[in-house]
Protein backbone atom coordinates (compact mmCIF):
# COMPACT_ATOMS: atom_id res chain seq x y z
CA UNK A 1 -5.53 -2.12 7.57
CA UNK A 2 -3.93 -3.28 4.33
CA UNK A 3 -1.63 -6.07 3.22
CA UNK A 4 2.08 -5.68 3.94
CA UNK A 5 4.10 -4.50 0.87
CA UNK A 6 1.14 -4.88 -1.53
CA UNK A 7 0.74 -1.12 -2.01
CA UNK A 8 4.43 -0.91 -2.92
CA UNK A 9 4.03 -3.73 -5.43
CA UNK A 10 0.95 -2.12 -6.99
CA UNK A 11 2.64 1.27 -7.29
CA UNK A 12 5.63 -0.32 -9.05
CA UNK A 13 3.49 -2.32 -11.51
CA UNK A 14 0.88 0.20 -12.59
CA UNK A 15 0.13 -1.11 -16.08
CA UNK A 16 -0.02 -4.76 -14.97
CA UNK A 17 -2.49 -4.28 -12.11
CA UNK A 18 -4.76 -1.47 -13.33
CA UNK A 19 -6.59 0.19 -16.22
CA UNK A 20 -7.22 3.88 -16.86
CA UNK A 21 -10.79 5.20 -16.95
CA UNK A 22 -12.44 8.56 -17.44
CA UNK A 23 -15.06 8.74 -14.68
CA UNK A 24 -16.93 11.57 -16.42
CA UNK A 25 -17.38 9.43 -19.54
CA UNK A 26 -18.35 6.41 -17.45
CA UNK A 27 -20.96 8.45 -15.56
CA UNK A 28 -22.39 9.90 -18.80
CA UNK A 29 -22.82 6.40 -20.21
CA UNK A 30 -24.99 5.30 -17.26
CA UNK A 31 -28.55 6.30 -16.50
CA UNK A 32 -28.28 8.33 -13.30
CA UNK A 33 -24.50 8.42 -13.31
CA UNK A 34 -22.29 6.24 -11.15
CA UNK A 35 -21.49 5.79 -7.48
CA UNK A 36 -18.00 5.97 -6.06
CA UNK A 37 -17.68 4.19 -2.71
CA UNK A 38 -15.50 6.10 -0.29
CA UNK A 39 -13.71 5.19 2.92
CA UNK A 40 -14.86 8.19 4.95
CA UNK A 41 -11.89 8.42 7.34
CA UNK A 42 -9.45 8.28 4.44
CA UNK A 43 -11.46 10.95 2.60
CA UNK A 44 -11.47 13.35 5.56
CA UNK A 45 -7.73 12.90 6.08
CA UNK A 46 -7.07 13.38 2.35
CA UNK A 47 -8.97 16.68 2.24
CA UNK A 48 -7.26 17.96 5.37
CA UNK A 49 -3.74 17.04 4.34
CA UNK A 50 -4.21 18.47 0.83
CA UNK A 51 -5.56 21.71 2.28
CA UNK A 52 -2.62 22.16 4.63
CA UNK A 53 -0.09 21.25 1.94
CA UNK A 54 -1.54 24.04 -0.19
CA UNK A 55 -1.24 26.45 2.72
CA UNK A 56 2.35 25.32 3.12
CA UNK A 57 3.02 26.29 -0.50
CA UNK A 58 1.61 29.72 0.39
CA UNK A 59 4.33 30.21 3.03
CA UNK A 60 2.07 29.26 5.94
CA UNK A 61 3.98 26.14 6.87
CA UNK A 62 3.02 26.38 10.55
CA UNK A 63 -0.75 26.43 10.00
CA UNK A 64 -1.31 22.69 10.33
CA UNK A 65 -0.42 22.77 14.04
CA UNK A 66 -2.87 25.57 14.79
CA UNK A 67 -6.19 24.06 13.74
CA UNK A 68 -9.36 26.08 13.47
CA UNK A 69 -9.37 26.37 9.65
CA UNK A 70 -12.79 24.76 9.60
CA UNK A 71 -14.50 27.33 7.37
CA UNK A 72 -11.92 26.71 4.65
CA UNK A 73 -12.20 22.96 5.11
CA UNK A 74 -15.99 23.11 4.74
CA UNK A 75 -15.60 25.15 1.55
CA UNK A 76 -13.04 22.72 0.12
CA UNK A 77 -15.18 19.66 0.92
CA UNK A 78 -18.28 21.33 -0.56
CA UNK A 79 -16.49 22.22 -3.80
CA UNK A 80 -14.99 18.75 -4.11
CA UNK A 81 -18.25 16.84 -3.64
CA UNK A 82 -20.42 19.30 -5.61
CA UNK A 83 -18.15 19.29 -8.67
CA UNK A 84 -18.31 15.50 -8.81
CA UNK A 85 -22.09 15.50 -8.30
CA UNK A 86 -22.57 17.84 -11.26
CA UNK A 87 -20.65 15.34 -13.42
CA UNK A 88 -22.92 12.48 -12.31
CA UNK A 89 -20.31 11.01 -9.95
CA UNK A 90 -22.06 10.37 -6.64
CA UNK A 91 -19.96 9.72 -3.53
CA UNK A 92 -21.25 7.10 -1.09
CA UNK A 93 -19.43 7.17 2.25
CA UNK A 94 -18.68 4.35 4.68
CA UNK A 95 -17.42 4.91 8.21
CA UNK A 96 -15.84 2.40 10.58
CA UNK A 97 -17.74 1.44 13.69
CA UNK A 98 -16.55 2.81 17.01
CA UNK A 99 -13.56 0.93 18.37
CA UNK A 100 -14.69 -1.69 20.82
CA UNK A 101 -18.08 -2.35 19.24
CA UNK A 102 -16.70 -5.47 17.57
CA UNK A 103 -14.92 -7.52 20.23
CA UNK A 104 -13.27 -9.87 17.71
CA UNK A 105 -11.83 -6.92 15.81
CA UNK A 106 -10.79 -5.26 19.06
CA UNK A 107 -8.76 -8.30 20.06
CA UNK A 108 -7.17 -8.60 16.62
CA UNK A 109 -6.24 -4.95 16.15
CA UNK A 110 -5.67 -3.71 19.70
CA UNK A 111 -1.88 -3.58 19.31
CA UNK A 112 -2.17 -1.65 16.04
CA UNK A 113 -4.54 0.89 17.57
CA UNK A 114 -2.32 1.23 20.63
CA UNK A 115 0.68 2.03 18.43
CA UNK A 116 -1.32 4.64 16.51
CA UNK A 117 -2.32 6.38 19.73
CA UNK A 118 1.32 6.40 20.82
CA UNK A 119 2.31 8.06 17.53
CA UNK A 120 -0.43 10.67 18.06
CA UNK A 121 0.87 11.53 21.53
CA UNK A 122 4.40 11.66 20.13
CA UNK A 123 3.23 14.16 17.49
CA UNK A 124 1.61 16.31 20.19
CA UNK A 125 4.85 16.29 22.18
CA UNK A 126 6.74 17.36 19.04
CA UNK A 127 4.40 20.34 18.63
CA UNK A 128 5.21 21.37 22.20
CA UNK A 129 8.93 21.07 21.40
CA UNK A 130 8.48 23.21 18.28
CA UNK A 131 6.58 25.88 20.18
CA UNK A 132 9.33 26.04 22.80
CA UNK A 133 12.02 26.32 20.12
CA UNK A 134 13.48 22.84 20.48
CA UNK A 135 12.35 21.35 17.15
CA UNK A 136 12.31 22.51 13.53
CA UNK A 137 9.01 22.83 11.65
CA UNK A 138 10.30 20.36 9.03
CA UNK A 139 10.56 17.65 11.70
CA UNK A 140 6.91 17.82 12.75
CA UNK A 141 4.41 15.12 11.82
CA UNK A 142 0.99 15.99 10.44
CA UNK A 143 -1.55 16.29 13.25
CA UNK A 144 -5.23 16.07 12.33
CA UNK A 145 -6.95 18.97 14.15
CA UNK A 146 -9.91 18.29 16.42
CA UNK A 147 -13.40 18.58 14.91
CA UNK A 148 -12.08 18.05 11.37
CA UNK A 149 -14.16 14.96 10.73
CA UNK A 150 -17.25 16.65 12.16
CA UNK A 151 -16.85 19.50 9.67
CA UNK A 152 -16.54 17.12 6.72
CA UNK A 153 -19.49 15.07 7.98
CA UNK A 154 -21.64 18.23 8.12
CA UNK A 155 -20.86 19.02 4.47
CA UNK A 156 -21.67 15.46 3.40
CA UNK A 157 -24.97 15.61 5.28
CA UNK A 158 -25.87 19.03 3.85
CA UNK A 159 -25.26 17.77 0.30
CA UNK A 160 -27.47 14.72 0.84
CA UNK A 161 -24.74 12.13 0.24
CA UNK A 162 -25.34 8.58 1.41
CA UNK A 163 -23.31 7.56 4.45
CA UNK A 164 -23.27 4.15 6.11
CA UNK A 165 -21.95 3.26 9.56
CA UNK A 166 -20.36 -0.16 9.81
CA UNK A 167 -20.35 -2.42 12.86
CA UNK A 168 -16.60 -2.95 12.67
CA UNK A 169 -14.18 -1.90 9.95
CA UNK A 170 -15.92 -0.72 6.79
CA UNK A 171 -13.93 -2.87 4.32
CA UNK A 172 -16.37 -5.76 4.07
CA UNK A 173 -19.42 -3.46 4.05
CA UNK A 174 -17.95 -1.48 1.14
CA UNK A 175 -17.06 -4.62 -0.84
CA UNK A 176 -20.54 -6.09 -0.33
CA UNK A 177 -22.20 -2.85 -1.45
CA UNK A 178 -20.09 -2.80 -4.61
CA UNK A 179 -21.05 -6.35 -5.48
CA UNK A 180 -24.82 -5.91 -5.07
CA UNK A 181 -25.36 -2.39 -6.49
CA UNK A 182 -25.18 -1.97 -10.25
CA UNK A 183 -24.69 1.79 -10.00
CA UNK A 184 -21.55 1.35 -7.85
CA UNK A 185 -18.47 1.68 -10.07
CA UNK A 186 -15.44 1.44 -7.80
CA UNK A 187 -13.99 2.00 -4.32
CA UNK A 188 -11.86 5.06 -3.53
CA UNK A 189 -9.43 4.73 -0.64
CA UNK A 190 -5.97 3.71 0.50
CA UNK A 191 -6.53 0.18 1.84
CA UNK A 192 -4.69 -2.45 -0.22
CA UNK A 193 -7.12 -5.14 1.00
CA UNK A 194 -9.41 -4.02 -1.84
CA UNK A 195 -6.77 -5.07 -4.38
CA UNK A 196 -7.51 -8.73 -3.68
CA UNK A 197 -11.10 -8.77 -2.44
CA UNK A 198 -13.38 -10.67 -4.80
CA UNK A 199 -15.40 -8.50 -7.17
CA UNK A 200 -13.70 -5.25 -6.15
CA UNK A 201 -12.70 -2.38 -8.41
CA UNK A 202 -10.33 -0.19 -6.45
CA UNK A 203 -9.04 3.34 -7.05
CA UNK A 204 -6.02 4.09 -4.88
CA UNK A 205 -6.40 7.72 -3.78
CA UNK A 206 -3.02 8.55 -5.34
CA UNK A 207 -4.45 7.42 -8.70
CA UNK A 208 -7.54 9.61 -8.50
CA UNK A 209 -7.75 12.71 -10.76
CA UNK A 210 -4.50 11.85 -12.53
CA UNK A 211 -4.41 15.05 -14.59
CA UNK A 212 -5.70 17.49 -11.96
CA UNK A 213 -9.03 18.13 -13.71
CA UNK A 214 -10.74 18.91 -10.41
CA UNK A 215 -8.40 21.84 -9.83
CA UNK A 216 -8.24 20.65 -6.26
CA UNK A 217 -4.98 22.30 -5.24
CA UNK A 218 -5.95 25.62 -6.82
CA UNK A 219 -9.27 25.83 -5.01
CA UNK A 220 -7.68 24.69 -1.75
CA UNK A 221 -4.98 27.35 -1.84
CA UNK A 222 -7.56 30.10 -2.36
CA UNK A 223 -9.72 31.71 0.27
CA UNK A 224 -13.13 30.45 1.34
CA UNK A 225 -14.64 33.15 -0.89
CA UNK A 226 -12.75 32.28 -4.06
CA UNK A 227 -15.00 30.78 -6.77
CA UNK A 228 -12.63 30.60 -9.73
CA UNK A 229 -13.57 27.69 -11.99
CA UNK A 230 -15.89 26.28 -9.28
CA UNK A 231 -18.94 26.22 -11.55
CA UNK A 232 -17.24 24.75 -14.61
CA UNK A 233 -18.38 21.26 -15.51
CA UNK A 234 -15.76 18.54 -15.52
CA UNK A 235 -14.85 17.41 -19.01
CA UNK A 236 -12.64 14.54 -17.85
CA UNK A 237 -11.62 12.84 -14.63
CA UNK A 238 -8.96 10.22 -15.20
CA UNK A 239 -8.29 7.47 -12.65
CA UNK A 240 -6.64 4.08 -12.57
CA UNK A 241 -8.74 1.13 -11.41
CA UNK A 242 -7.12 -1.91 -9.81
CA UNK A 243 -8.85 -5.31 -9.96
CA UNK A 244 -7.95 -8.49 -8.07
CA UNK A 245 -7.87 -10.43 -11.35
CA UNK A 246 -5.11 -8.19 -12.69
CA UNK A 247 -3.18 -8.20 -9.41
CA UNK A 248 -3.21 -12.00 -9.15
CA UNK A 249 -2.35 -12.43 -12.83
CA UNK A 250 0.63 -10.09 -12.45
CA UNK A 251 1.78 -12.17 -9.47
CA UNK A 252 1.19 -15.42 -11.39
CA UNK A 253 -1.11 -16.55 -8.60
CA UNK A 254 -4.04 -18.83 -9.43
CA UNK A 255 -5.96 -18.93 -6.17
CA UNK A 256 -9.45 -17.70 -5.32
CA UNK A 257 -9.67 -14.09 -4.18
CA UNK A 258 -10.83 -13.56 -0.63
């Protein structure tokens, strides 16, 4: 869920709260490579939004309201995961439990979930307004097409990636895994909670692949049959890693992390 304004603070104090790493070099220095722990929902949304943004650059700005681009999405996800695997960077995925399975969490977050559903219905209504000529394409919100997550899950399963299902939200499960597995290097996601959770090493998704070494946008904008640069090994993959120690030091806070 995140901590209010913390992401803004982190983004404005990059050097104080984080260090730069080359994940390819880190993986090469470890026997068997390294594991990157991934918030699955965030990962699926990231792939989808990046794919549609690339389509938008190709003058297909309306495509994100149509859905059905699942073959391209599968190809993009496969390229993304496979290229990292070849560099010894193994993605381990964590998914939230179904809403309602944890009654304490349900009570605490019901209002937040309710507001998210309202925004989803509002986005659907905006699509209807656009289709009837009453709204501009620029005013539409991104709408995650149905079956998107199932397509990404199928790729992850086919590639043999580890995937864990949490009872409630995955945050605590991810943090615990990081602290007890020596091969786990850091967490990739967009939840600022990881910035202050004890023992965490957190890569904000906006600070992943800082120099575009994955060629993500290029491969996304191509067709499902384009294989340009797909088989080239990564030479570098630069990221910035946030630690709670650095965040608290930059805030001049001397309390125990939670």
